[in-house]
Amino acid sequence: MDAPPKLNDWSLVQSFLAVADTGSLSAGARLLGCSQPTLGRQIQALEDELSVELFTRHARGFALSDAGAGLVPMARQMQAAMQAMTLAAAGQSQQLEGTVRITASVFASHHLLPSILAEIRRAEPAIQLDLLPSDTTENLLFREADIAVRMYRPTQLDLVARHVADLELGVFAARSYLDRVGRPENAEDLLNCDLIGYDRNDLILRRMTEMGWPVRREDFVLRCDNQATYWELVRAGCGIGFSQVGVARADPLIEKIDLGITLPALPVWLTAHQAMRQTPRLRRVWDLLAAGLARA
């Protein structure tokens, strides 16, 4: 009896999963950073090795065949094993030189991290830094980033997290807007102004309701979930919004509105994979990030 076919070439498995996940050679090639003809040859080589058709070709791309779909779980297991090996090997490095990849929200990447990263570069010129601004959750387990700056405590297994700061929040508007409409002195005045809120994100609605300000989505005349854009709307004089005190304090266009209340602080967490946490360069960047964010 013939032995069952095995996926025993990791590069071919990567190619198989890239096409399975994206549905086309062109998208799979972009994902892997290779050329479309190279990816096509790798898919063909895997099909020849296994003597089975993994995909059906059609005008819109590639669809998994029944045989290909049956091999996906095995390929995922290989992918997870290789990623675990890569993390374990990287975690053994004792060199300070090298690259540390940091991810944070677009807002934090723009307003909080540049000065901190400049301090890190001055302190450790042998360490190169990659900054990935993203409002999606980058997967530390798959090394899409080495350290994540989060405004919440991650809960995934195999990650270590450290609470490094609580950022003060406040109510703000452009001076030009307040000069035009007046300066609210209490919550009732505030609710009679143009409020800028989030679109699908209900964080502001929940926080205001918890503080005794029952508001609806319709009470916000302008809504945007992207926090970097949200802040620009406040700066442009579109209305009154909420943000970090440290960021607003540095902006001459912005004025803080004192309503005699204290908003809940925004927690800041550093997160890394536990297999990488103790490598010298990552540990050093982690400590410098923590110190810089604590001063933010």
C-alpha atoms as a PDB file:
ATOM      1  CA  MET A   1       0.000   0.000   0.000  1.00  0.00           C
ATOM      2  CA  ASP A   2       1.335   3.451  -0.912  1.00  0.00           C
ATOM      3  CA  ALA A   3       2.186   5.772   1.991  1.00  0.00           C
ATOM      4  CA  PRO A   4      -0.144   8.770   2.301  1.00  0.00           C
ATOM      5  CA  PRO A   5       1.186  12.003   0.814  1.00  0.00           C
ATOM      6  CA  LYS A   6       2.869  14.444   3.216  1.00  0.00           C
ATOM      7  CA  LEU A   7       3.502  18.145   3.117  1.00  0.00           C
ATOM      8  CA  ASN A   8       7.239  18.073   3.837  1.00  0.00           C
ATOM      9  CA  ASP A   9       8.526  21.307   2.267  1.00  0.00           C
ATOM     10  CA  TRP A  10       7.677  24.354   4.376  1.00  0.00           C
ATOM     11  CA  SER A  11       8.150  26.854   1.541  1.00  0.00           C
ATOM     12  CA  LEU A  12       5.596  24.957  -0.528  1.00  0.00           C
ATOM     13  CA  VAL A  13       3.222  24.834   2.432  1.00  0.00           C
ATOM     14  CA  GLN A  14       3.533  28.608   2.789  1.00  0.00           C
ATOM     15  CA  SER A  15       2.664  29.004  -0.869  1.00  0.00           C
ATOM     16  CA  PHE A  16      -0.305  26.657  -0.533  1.00  0.00           C
ATOM     17  CA  LEU A  17      -1.727  28.579   2.442  1.00  0.00           C
ATOM     18  CA  ALA A  18      -1.137  31.963   0.804  1.00  0.00           C
ATOM     19  CA  VAL A  19      -3.209  30.994  -2.235  1.00  0.00           C
ATOM     20  CA  ALA A  20      -5.812  29.234  -0.082  1.00  0.00           C
ATOM     21  CA  ASP A  21      -6.208  32.364   2.061  1.00  0.00           C
ATOM     22  CA  THR A  22      -6.228  34.941  -0.732  1.00  0.00           C
ATOM     23  CA  GLY A  23      -7.844  33.026  -3.584  1.00  0.00           C
ATOM     24  CA  SER A  24      -5.381  34.117  -6.268  1.00  0.00           C
ATOM     25  CA  LEU A  25      -1.750  33.888  -7.299  1.00  0.00           C
ATOM     26  CA  SER A  26      -1.349  37.658  -7.510  1.00  0.00           C
ATOM     27  CA  ALA A  27      -2.683  38.306  -3.996  1.00  0.00           C
ATOM     28  CA  GLY A  28      -0.767  35.329  -2.598  1.00  0.00           C
ATOM     29  CA  ALA A  29       2.453  36.596  -4.182  1.00  0.00           C
ATOM     30  CA  ARG A  30       1.960  40.034  -2.606  1.00  0.00           C
ATOM     31  CA  LEU A  31       1.375  38.384   0.760  1.00  0.00           C
ATOM     32  CA  LEU A  32       4.612  36.386   0.516  1.00  0.00           C
ATOM     33  CA  GLY A  33       6.664  39.073  -1.201  1.00  0.00           C
ATOM     34  CA  CYS A  34       7.476  36.941  -4.236  1.00  0.00           C
ATOM     35  CA  SER A  35       6.580  37.024  -7.924  1.00  0.00           C
ATOM     36  CA  GLN A  36       3.381  35.546  -9.295  1.00  0.00           C
ATOM     37  CA  PRO A  37       5.233  33.121 -11.643  1.00  0.00           C
ATOM     38  CA  THR A  38       7.349  31.870  -8.705  1.00  0.00           C
ATOM     39  CA  LEU A  39       4.245  31.228  -6.632  1.00  0.00           C
ATOM     40  CA  GLY A  40       2.587  29.463  -9.556  1.00  0.00           C
ATOM     41  CA  ARG A  41       5.598  27.149  -9.940  1.00  0.00           C
ATOM     42  CA  GLN A  42       5.543  26.363  -6.224  1.00  0.00           C
ATOM     43  CA  ILE A  43       1.852  25.433  -6.321  1.00  0.00           C
ATOM     44  CA  GLN A  44       2.481  23.236  -9.334  1.00  0.00           C
ATOM     45  CA  ALA A  45       5.467  21.593  -7.631  1.00  0.00           C
ATOM     46  CA  LEU A  46       3.370  20.796  -4.568  1.00  0.00           C
ATOM     47  CA  GLU A  47       0.583  19.338  -6.679  1.00  0.00           C
ATOM     48  CA  ASP A  48       3.130  17.233  -8.568  1.00  0.00           C
ATOM     49  CA  GLU A  49       4.698  16.039  -5.304  1.00  0.00           C
ATOM     50  CA  LEU A  50       1.333  15.043  -3.845  1.00  0.00           C
ATOM     51  CA  SER A  51      -0.128  13.847  -7.152  1.00  0.00           C
ATOM     52  CA  VAL A  52      -3.339  15.721  -6.458  1.00  0.00           C
ATOM     53  CA  GLU A  53      -5.037  18.880  -7.691  1.00  0.00           C
ATOM     54  CA  LEU A  54      -5.160  21.324  -4.769  1.00  0.00           C
ATOM     55  CA  PHE A  55      -7.053  24.108  -6.518  1.00  0.00           C
ATOM     56  CA  THR A  56      -9.580  24.528  -9.255  1.00  0.00           C
ATOM     57  CA  ARG A  57      -8.724  27.395 -11.571  1.00  0.00           C
ATOM     58  CA  HIS A  58     -11.467  29.761 -12.657  1.00  0.00           C
ATOM     59  CA  ALA A  59     -11.748  33.256 -14.108  1.00  0.00           C
ATOM     60  CA  ARG A  60     -11.771  34.958 -10.715  1.00  0.00           C
ATOM     61  CA  GLY A  61      -8.838  33.063  -9.247  1.00  0.00           C
ATOM     62  CA  PHE A  62      -8.161  29.841  -7.372  1.00  0.00           C
ATOM     63  CA  ALA A  63     -10.623  27.845  -5.263  1.00  0.00           C
ATOM     64  CA  LEU A  64      -9.643  24.940  -3.026  1.00  0.00           C
ATOM     65  CA  SER A  65     -10.483  21.532  -4.403  1.00  0.00           C
ATOM     66  CA  ASP A  66     -11.898  18.916  -2.059  1.00  0.00           C
ATOM     67  CA  ALA A  67      -8.427  17.445  -1.731  1.00  0.00           C
ATOM     68  CA  GLY A  68      -6.890  20.849  -1.059  1.00  0.00           C
ATOM     69  CA  ALA A  69      -9.474  21.709   1.583  1.00  0.00           C
ATOM     70  CA  GLY A  70      -8.706  18.416   3.308  1.00  0.00           C
ATOM     71  CA  LEU A  71      -5.027  19.338   3.577  1.00  0.00           C
ATOM     72  CA  VAL A  72      -5.559  22.815   5.025  1.00  0.00           C
ATOM     73  CA  PRO A  73      -5.730  21.681   8.689  1.00  0.00           C
ATOM     74  CA  MET A  74      -2.428  19.796   8.300  1.00  0.00           C
ATOM     75  CA  ALA A  75      -0.849  22.861   6.696  1.00  0.00           C
ATOM     76  CA  ARG A  76      -2.103  25.068   9.538  1.00  0.00           C
ATOM     77  CA  GLN A  77      -0.456  22.763  12.043  1.00  0.00           C
ATOM     78  CA  MET A  78       2.844  23.053  10.175  1.00  0.00           C
ATOM     79  CA  GLN A  79       2.441  26.835  10.077  1.00  0.00           C
ATOM     80  CA  ALA A  80       1.874  27.012  13.836  1.00  0.00           C
ATOM     81  CA  ALA A  81       4.869  24.737  14.489  1.00  0.00           C
ATOM     82  CA  MET A  82       7.182  26.807  12.294  1.00  0.00           C
ATOM     83  CA  GLN A  83       6.031  30.041  13.915  1.00  0.00           C
ATOM     84  CA  ALA A  84       6.670  28.556  17.353  1.00  0.00           C
ATOM     85  CA  MET A  85      10.152  27.462  16.268  1.00  0.00           C
ATOM     86  CA  THR A  86      10.903  30.916  14.870  1.00  0.00           C
ATOM     87  CA  LEU A  87       9.814  32.584  18.111  1.00  0.00           C
ATOM     88  CA  ALA A  88      11.818  30.154  20.236  1.00  0.00           C
ATOM     89  CA  ALA A  89      14.944  30.643  18.123  1.00  0.00           C
ATOM     90  CA  ALA A  90      14.605  34.440  18.094  1.00  0.00           C
ATOM     91  CA  GLY A  91      14.155  34.403  21.848  1.00  0.00           C
ATOM     92  CA  GLN A  92      17.592  32.819  22.283  1.00  0.00           C
ATOM     93  CA  SER A  93      19.433  35.712  20.660  1.00  0.00           C
ATOM     94  CA  GLN A  94      21.745  37.498  23.096  1.00  0.00           C
ATOM     95  CA  GLN A  95      22.781  40.283  20.721  1.00  0.00           C
ATOM     96  CA  LEU A  96      21.774  43.851  21.415  1.00  0.00           C
ATOM     97  CA  GLU A  97      22.160  44.758  17.754  1.00  0.00           C
ATOM     98  CA  GLY A  98      19.189  44.178  15.511  1.00  0.00           C
ATOM     99  CA  THR A  99      15.628  45.305  14.865  1.00  0.00           C
ATOM    100  CA  VAL A 100      12.650  45.631  17.175  1.00  0.00           C
ATOM    101  CA  ARG A 101       9.245  46.004  15.534  1.00  0.00           C
ATOM    102  CA  ILE A 102       6.706  48.081  17.484  1.00  0.00           C
ATOM    103  CA  THR A 103       3.007  48.421  16.744  1.00  0.00           C
ATOM    104  CA  ALA A 104       0.604  50.993  18.145  1.00  0.00           C
ATOM    105  CA  SER A 105      -2.562  52.775  17.104  1.00  0.00           C
ATOM    106  CA  VAL A 106      -2.262  55.429  14.412  1.00  0.00           C
ATOM    107  CA  PHE A 107      -2.985  58.127  17.002  1.00  0.00           C
ATOM    108  CA  ALA A 108      -0.371  56.880  19.472  1.00  0.00           C
ATOM    109  CA  SER A 109       2.143  56.395  16.655  1.00  0.00           C
ATOM    110  CA  HIS A 110       1.674  59.992  15.578  1.00  0.00           C
ATOM    111  CA  HIS A 111       1.315  61.811  18.918  1.00  0.00           C
ATOM    112  CA  LEU A 112       2.980  59.686  21.615  1.00  0.00           C
ATOM    113  CA  LEU A 113       5.767  57.580  20.186  1.00  0.00           C
ATOM    114  CA  PRO A 114       7.961  59.783  17.936  1.00  0.00           C
ATOM    115  CA  SER A 115       9.729  61.607  20.777  1.00  0.00           C
ATOM    116  CA  ILE A 116      10.070  58.360  22.756  1.00  0.00           C
ATOM    117  CA  LEU A 117      11.543  56.531  19.760  1.00  0.00           C
ATOM    118  CA  ALA A 118      13.979  59.404  19.250  1.00  0.00           C
ATOM    119  CA  GLU A 119      15.157  58.910  22.855  1.00  0.00           C
ATOM    120  CA  ILE A 120      15.559  55.178  22.256  1.00  0.00           C
ATOM    121  CA  ARG A 121      17.643  55.784  19.135  1.00  0.00           C
ATOM    122  CA  ARG A 122      19.910  58.183  21.022  1.00  0.00           C
ATOM    123  CA  ALA A 123      20.310  55.731  23.896  1.00  0.00           C
ATOM    124  CA  GLU A 124      20.761  52.596  21.758  1.00  0.00           C
ATOM    125  CA  PRO A 125      22.017  53.425  18.244  1.00  0.00           C
ATOM    126  CA  ALA A 126      22.746  49.731  17.552  1.00  0.00           C
ATOM    127  CA  ILE A 127      19.035  48.915  17.739  1.00  0.00           C
ATOM    128  CA  GLN A 128      16.951  49.581  14.644  1.00  0.00           C
ATOM    129  CA  LEU A 129      13.237  50.255  15.066  1.00  0.00           C
ATOM    130  CA  ASP A 130      10.240  49.445  12.879  1.00  0.00           C
ATOM    131  CA  LEU A 131       7.036  51.309  13.757  1.00  0.00           C
ATOM    132  CA  LEU A 132       3.774  49.833  12.524  1.00  0.00           C
ATOM    133  CA  PRO A 133       0.887  52.307  12.991  1.00  0.00           C
ATOM    134  CA  SER A 134      -2.294  50.260  12.923  1.00  0.00           C
ATOM    135  CA  ASP A 135      -5.724  50.351  14.507  1.00  0.00           C
ATOM    136  CA  THR A 136      -6.056  46.605  14.052  1.00  0.00           C
ATOM    137  CA  THR A 137      -4.701  44.086  16.543  1.00  0.00           C
ATOM    138  CA  GLU A 138      -1.361  42.901  15.180  1.00  0.00           C
ATOM    139  CA  ASN A 139      -0.625  39.277  16.008  1.00  0.00           C
ATOM    140  CA  LEU A 140       2.374  39.092  18.325  1.00  0.00           C
ATOM    141  CA  LEU A 141       2.207  35.300  18.236  1.00  0.00           C
ATOM    142  CA  PHE A 142       3.005  35.390  14.518  1.00  0.00           C
ATOM    143  CA  ARG A 143       5.741  38.049  14.930  1.00  0.00           C
ATOM    144  CA  GLU A 144       3.909  40.702  12.948  1.00  0.00           C
ATOM    145  CA  ALA A 145       5.309  42.885  15.746  1.00  0.00           C
ATOM    146  CA  ASP A 146       7.674  42.342  18.674  1.00  0.00           C
ATOM    147  CA  ILE A 147       6.115  44.847  21.099  1.00  0.00           C
ATOM    148  CA  ALA A 148       2.583  46.229  21.059  1.00  0.00           C
ATOM    149  CA  VAL A 149       1.470  49.443  22.729  1.00  0.00           C
ATOM    150  CA  ARG A 150      -2.153  48.879  23.701  1.00  0.00           C
ATOM    151  CA  MET A 151      -4.841  50.910  25.457  1.00  0.00           C
ATOM    152  CA  TYR A 152      -6.262  47.734  26.963  1.00  0.00           C
ATOM    153  CA  ARG A 153      -4.870  44.626  28.640  1.00  0.00           C
ATOM    154  CA  PRO A 154      -4.386  41.794  26.142  1.00  0.00           C
ATOM    155  CA  THR A 155      -5.685  38.414  27.256  1.00  0.00           C
ATOM    156  CA  GLN A 156      -4.065  35.946  24.830  1.00  0.00           C
ATOM    157  CA  LEU A 157      -2.030  33.118  26.238  1.00  0.00           C
ATOM    158  CA  ASP A 158       1.763  33.164  25.702  1.00  0.00           C
ATOM    159  CA  LEU A 159       1.848  36.962  25.950  1.00  0.00           C
ATOM    160  CA  VAL A 160       3.280  39.069  28.737  1.00  0.00           C
ATOM    161  CA  ALA A 161       1.757  42.463  29.480  1.00  0.00           C
ATOM    162  CA  ARG A 162       2.778  45.358  31.698  1.00  0.00           C
ATOM    163  CA  HIS A 163       0.667  48.334  32.701  1.00  0.00           C
ATOM    164  CA  VAL A 164       2.987  51.312  32.208  1.00  0.00           C
ATOM    165  CA  ALA A 165       0.835  54.445  32.365  1.00  0.00           C
ATOM    166  CA  ASP A 166      -2.602  56.000  32.774  1.00  0.00           C
ATOM    167  CA  LEU A 167      -3.156  58.861  30.353  1.00  0.00           C
ATOM    168  CA  GLU A 168      -5.338  61.723  31.566  1.00  0.00           C
ATOM    169  CA  LEU A 169      -8.312  62.454  29.329  1.00  0.00           C
ATOM    170  CA  GLY A 170     -10.192  65.717  28.934  1.00  0.00           C
ATOM    171  CA  VAL A 171     -12.752  67.695  26.955  1.00  0.00           C
ATOM    172  CA  PHE A 172     -11.330  69.955  24.253  1.00  0.00           C
ATOM    173  CA  ALA A 173     -12.189  72.234  21.377  1.00  0.00           C
ATOM    174  CA  ALA A 174     -10.430  74.582  19.036  1.00  0.00           C
ATOM    175  CA  ARG A 175     -10.112  78.103  20.410  1.00  0.00           C
ATOM    176  CA  SER A 176     -11.709  79.323  17.190  1.00  0.00           C
ATOM    177  CA  TYR A 177     -14.818  77.238  17.873  1.00  0.00           C
ATOM    178  CA  LEU A 178     -15.108  78.396  21.495  1.00  0.00           C
ATOM    179  CA  ASP A 179     -14.593  82.031  20.505  1.00  0.00           C
ATOM    180  CA  ARG A 180     -17.554  81.624  18.153  1.00  0.00           C
ATOM    181  CA  VAL A 181     -20.047  79.719  20.334  1.00  0.00           C
ATOM    182  CA  GLY A 182     -18.882  80.434  23.881  1.00  0.00           C
ATOM    183  CA  ARG A 183     -17.303  78.250  26.542  1.00  0.00           C
ATOM    184  CA  PRO A 184     -19.514  75.657  28.242  1.00  0.00           C
ATOM    185  CA  GLU A 185     -19.329  75.679  32.041  1.00  0.00           C
ATOM    186  CA  ASN A 186     -21.237  72.500  32.901  1.00  0.00           C
ATOM    187  CA  ALA A 187     -22.588  69.289  31.406  1.00  0.00           C
ATOM    188  CA  GLU A 188     -25.830  70.916  30.285  1.00  0.00           C
ATOM    189  CA  ASP A 189     -23.917  73.597  28.382  1.00  0.00           C
ATOM    190  CA  LEU A 190     -21.755  70.898  26.831  1.00  0.00           C
ATOM    191  CA  LEU A 191     -24.726  68.954  25.506  1.00  0.00           C
ATOM    192  CA  ASN A 192     -25.990  72.111  23.791  1.00  0.00           C
ATOM    193  CA  CYS A 193     -22.747  72.380  21.788  1.00  0.00           C
ATOM    194  CA  ASP A 194     -21.661  70.550  18.653  1.00  0.00           C
ATOM    195  CA  LEU A 195     -20.209  67.265  19.905  1.00  0.00           C
ATOM    196  CA  ILE A 196     -17.779  65.092  17.955  1.00  0.00           C
ATOM    197  CA  GLY A 197     -18.106  61.381  18.658  1.00  0.00           C
ATOM    198  CA  TYR A 198     -17.304  57.977  17.298  1.00  0.00           C
ATOM    199  CA  ASP A 199     -19.223  56.266  14.533  1.00  0.00           C
ATOM    200  CA  ARG A 200     -19.495  52.518  15.202  1.00  0.00           C
ATOM    201  CA  ASN A 201     -17.360  52.555  18.339  1.00  0.00           C
ATOM    202  CA  ASP A 202     -19.640  53.082  21.362  1.00  0.00           C
ATOM    203  CA  LEU A 203     -16.882  53.919  23.876  1.00  0.00           C
ATOM    204  CA  ILE A 204     -17.765  57.613  24.276  1.00  0.00           C
ATOM    205  CA  LEU A 205     -21.474  56.822  24.537  1.00  0.00           C
ATOM    206  CA  ARG A 206     -20.853  54.251  27.276  1.00  0.00           C
ATOM    207  CA  ARG A 207     -18.468  56.448  29.229  1.00  0.00           C
ATOM    208  CA  MET A 208     -20.771  59.473  29.133  1.00  0.00           C
ATOM    209  CA  THR A 209     -23.754  57.351  30.183  1.00  0.00           C
ATOM    210  CA  GLU A 210     -21.736  55.909  33.077  1.00  0.00           C
ATOM    211  CA  MET A 211     -20.984  59.461  34.209  1.00  0.00           C
ATOM    212  CA  GLY A 212     -24.676  60.385  34.240  1.00  0.00           C
ATOM    213  CA  TRP A 213     -24.818  62.044  30.833  1.00  0.00           C
ATOM    214  CA  PRO A 214     -27.407  60.052  28.867  1.00  0.00           C
ATOM    215  CA  VAL A 215     -26.548  60.656  25.230  1.00  0.00           C
ATOM    216  CA  ARG A 216     -27.491  59.050  21.941  1.00  0.00           C
ATOM    217  CA  ARG A 217     -25.463  58.581  18.796  1.00  0.00           C
ATOM    218  CA  GLU A 218     -27.587  61.318  17.202  1.00  0.00           C
ATOM    219  CA  ASP A 219     -26.375  63.812  19.824  1.00  0.00           C
ATOM    220  CA  PHE A 220     -22.988  63.831  18.084  1.00  0.00           C
ATOM    221  CA  VAL A 221     -23.218  66.021  15.010  1.00  0.00           C
ATOM    222  CA  LEU A 222     -19.971  64.640  13.562  1.00  0.00           C
ATOM    223  CA  ARG A 223     -18.761  61.057  13.981  1.00  0.00           C
ATOM    224  CA  CYS A 224     -15.524  59.299  13.073  1.00  0.00           C
ATOM    225  CA  ASP A 225     -13.895  56.119  14.436  1.00  0.00           C
ATOM    226  CA  ASN A 226     -10.371  56.891  13.223  1.00  0.00           C
ATOM    227  CA  GLN A 227      -8.838  58.682  16.189  1.00  0.00           C
ATOM    228  CA  ALA A 228      -6.169  60.504  14.209  1.00  0.00           C
ATOM    229  CA  THR A 229      -8.840  61.958  11.914  1.00  0.00           C
ATOM    230  CA  TYR A 230     -11.115  62.548  14.915  1.00  0.00           C
ATOM    231  CA  TRP A 231      -8.473  64.795  16.475  1.00  0.00           C
ATOM    232  CA  GLU A 232      -8.038  66.755  13.262  1.00  0.00           C
ATOM    233  CA  LEU A 233     -11.798  67.412  13.243  1.00  0.00           C
ATOM    234  CA  VAL A 234     -11.498  68.884  16.744  1.00  0.00           C
ATOM    235  CA  ARG A 235      -8.496  70.981  15.713  1.00  0.00           C
ATOM    236  CA  ALA A 236     -10.379  72.296  12.666  1.00  0.00           C
ATOM    237  CA  GLY A 237     -13.146  73.723  14.859  1.00  0.00           C
ATOM    238  CA  CYS A 238     -15.883  71.236  14.005  1.00  0.00           C
ATOM    239  CA  GLY A 239     -16.999  70.964  17.620  1.00  0.00           C
ATOM    240  CA  ILE A 240     -16.089  69.646  21.046  1.00  0.00           C
ATOM    241  CA  GLY A 241     -14.350  66.305  21.487  1.00  0.00           C
ATOM    242  CA  PHE A 242     -12.415  64.124  23.910  1.00  0.00           C
ATOM    243  CA  SER A 243      -8.729  63.291  23.869  1.00  0.00           C
ATOM    244  CA  GLN A 244      -5.531  62.927  25.853  1.00  0.00           C
ATOM    245  CA  VAL A 245      -4.508  65.901  27.955  1.00  0.00           C
ATOM    246  CA  GLY A 246      -0.820  65.568  27.087  1.00  0.00           C
ATOM    247  CA  VAL A 247      -1.510  65.693  23.360  1.00  0.00           C
ATOM    248  CA  ALA A 248      -3.913  68.620  23.638  1.00  0.00           C
ATOM    249  CA  ARG A 249      -1.616  70.590  25.923  1.00  0.00           C
ATOM    250  CA  ALA A 250       1.045  70.642  23.212  1.00  0.00           C
ATOM    251  CA  ASP A 251      -1.352  72.047  20.590  1.00  0.00           C
ATOM    252  CA  PRO A 252      -1.688  75.861  20.523  1.00  0.00           C
ATOM    253  CA  LEU A 253      -4.952  75.613  18.563  1.00  0.00           C
ATOM    254  CA  ILE A 254      -6.687  73.675  21.333  1.00  0.00           C
ATOM    255  CA  GLU A 255      -8.262  74.770  24.611  1.00  0.00           C
ATOM    256  CA  LYS A 256      -9.232  72.493  27.487  1.00  0.00           C
ATOM    257  CA  ILE A 257     -12.807  72.872  28.717  1.00  0.00           C
ATOM    258  CA  ASP A 258     -13.090  72.758  32.503  1.00  0.00           C
ATOM    259  CA  LEU A 259     -16.422  71.238  33.535  1.00  0.00           C
ATOM    260  CA  GLY A 260     -15.329  70.378  37.063  1.00  0.00           C
ATOM    261  CA  ILE A 261     -15.272  66.652  36.307  1.00  0.00           C
ATOM    262  CA  THR A 262     -12.596  63.994  36.004  1.00  0.00           C
ATOM    263  CA  LEU A 263     -12.801  61.584  33.092  1.00  0.00           C
ATOM    264  CA  PRO A 264     -11.618  57.970  33.514  1.00  0.00           C
ATOM    265  CA  ALA A 265      -7.947  57.645  32.571  1.00  0.00           C
ATOM    266  CA  LEU A 266      -6.785  55.696  29.530  1.00  0.00           C
ATOM    267  CA  PRO A 267      -4.562  52.753  30.549  1.00  0.00           C
ATOM    268  CA  VAL A 268      -1.455  51.978  28.501  1.00  0.00           C
ATOM    269  CA  TRP A 269      -0.066  48.441  28.303  1.00  0.00           C
ATOM    270  CA  LEU A 270       3.067  47.030  26.734  1.00  0.00           C
ATOM    271  CA  THR A 271       2.739  43.512  25.368  1.00  0.00           C
ATOM    272  CA  ALA A 272       5.202  41.016  23.908  1.00  0.00           C
ATOM    273  CA  HIS A 273       5.425  37.299  23.325  1.00  0.00           C
ATOM    274  CA  GLN A 274       6.922  35.603  26.367  1.00  0.00           C
ATOM    275  CA  ALA A 275       9.457  33.743  24.196  1.00  0.00           C
ATOM    276  CA  MET A 276      10.855  37.101  23.007  1.00  0.00           C
ATOM    277  CA  ARG A 277      10.497  39.195  26.143  1.00  0.00           C
ATOM    278  CA  GLN A 278      13.959  38.440  27.558  1.00  0.00           C
ATOM    279  CA  THR A 279      16.054  38.964  24.428  1.00  0.00           C
ATOM    280  CA  PRO A 280      18.449  41.835  25.258  1.00  0.00           C
ATOM    281  CA  ARG A 281      17.383  44.276  22.546  1.00  0.00           C
ATOM    282  CA  LEU A 282      13.673  43.673  23.072  1.00  0.00           C
ATOM    283  CA  ARG A 283      14.029  43.957  26.850  1.00  0.00           C
ATOM    284  CA  ARG A 284      15.977  47.204  26.436  1.00  0.00           C
ATOM    285  CA  VAL A 285      13.406  48.747  24.077  1.00  0.00           C
ATOM    286  CA  TRP A 286      10.601  47.527  26.348  1.00  0.00           C
ATOM    287  CA  ASP A 287      12.147  49.299  29.359  1.00  0.00           C
ATOM    288  CA  LEU A 288      12.774  52.523  27.438  1.00  0.00           C
ATOM    289  CA  LEU A 289       9.246  52.501  26.021  1.00  0.00           C
ATOM    290  CA  ALA A 290       7.801  51.982  29.485  1.00  0.00           C
ATOM    291  CA  ALA A 291       9.814  54.899  30.886  1.00  0.00           C
ATOM    292  CA  GLY A 292       8.845  57.198  28.020  1.00  0.00           C
ATOM    293  CA  LEU A 293       5.151  56.351  28.146  1.00  0.00           C
ATOM    294  CA  ALA A 294       5.098  56.855  31.918  1.00  0.00           C
ATOM    295  CA  ARG A 295       6.144  60.490  31.275  1.00  0.00           C
ATOM    296  CA  ALA A 296       3.599  61.046  28.486  1.00  0.00           C
END
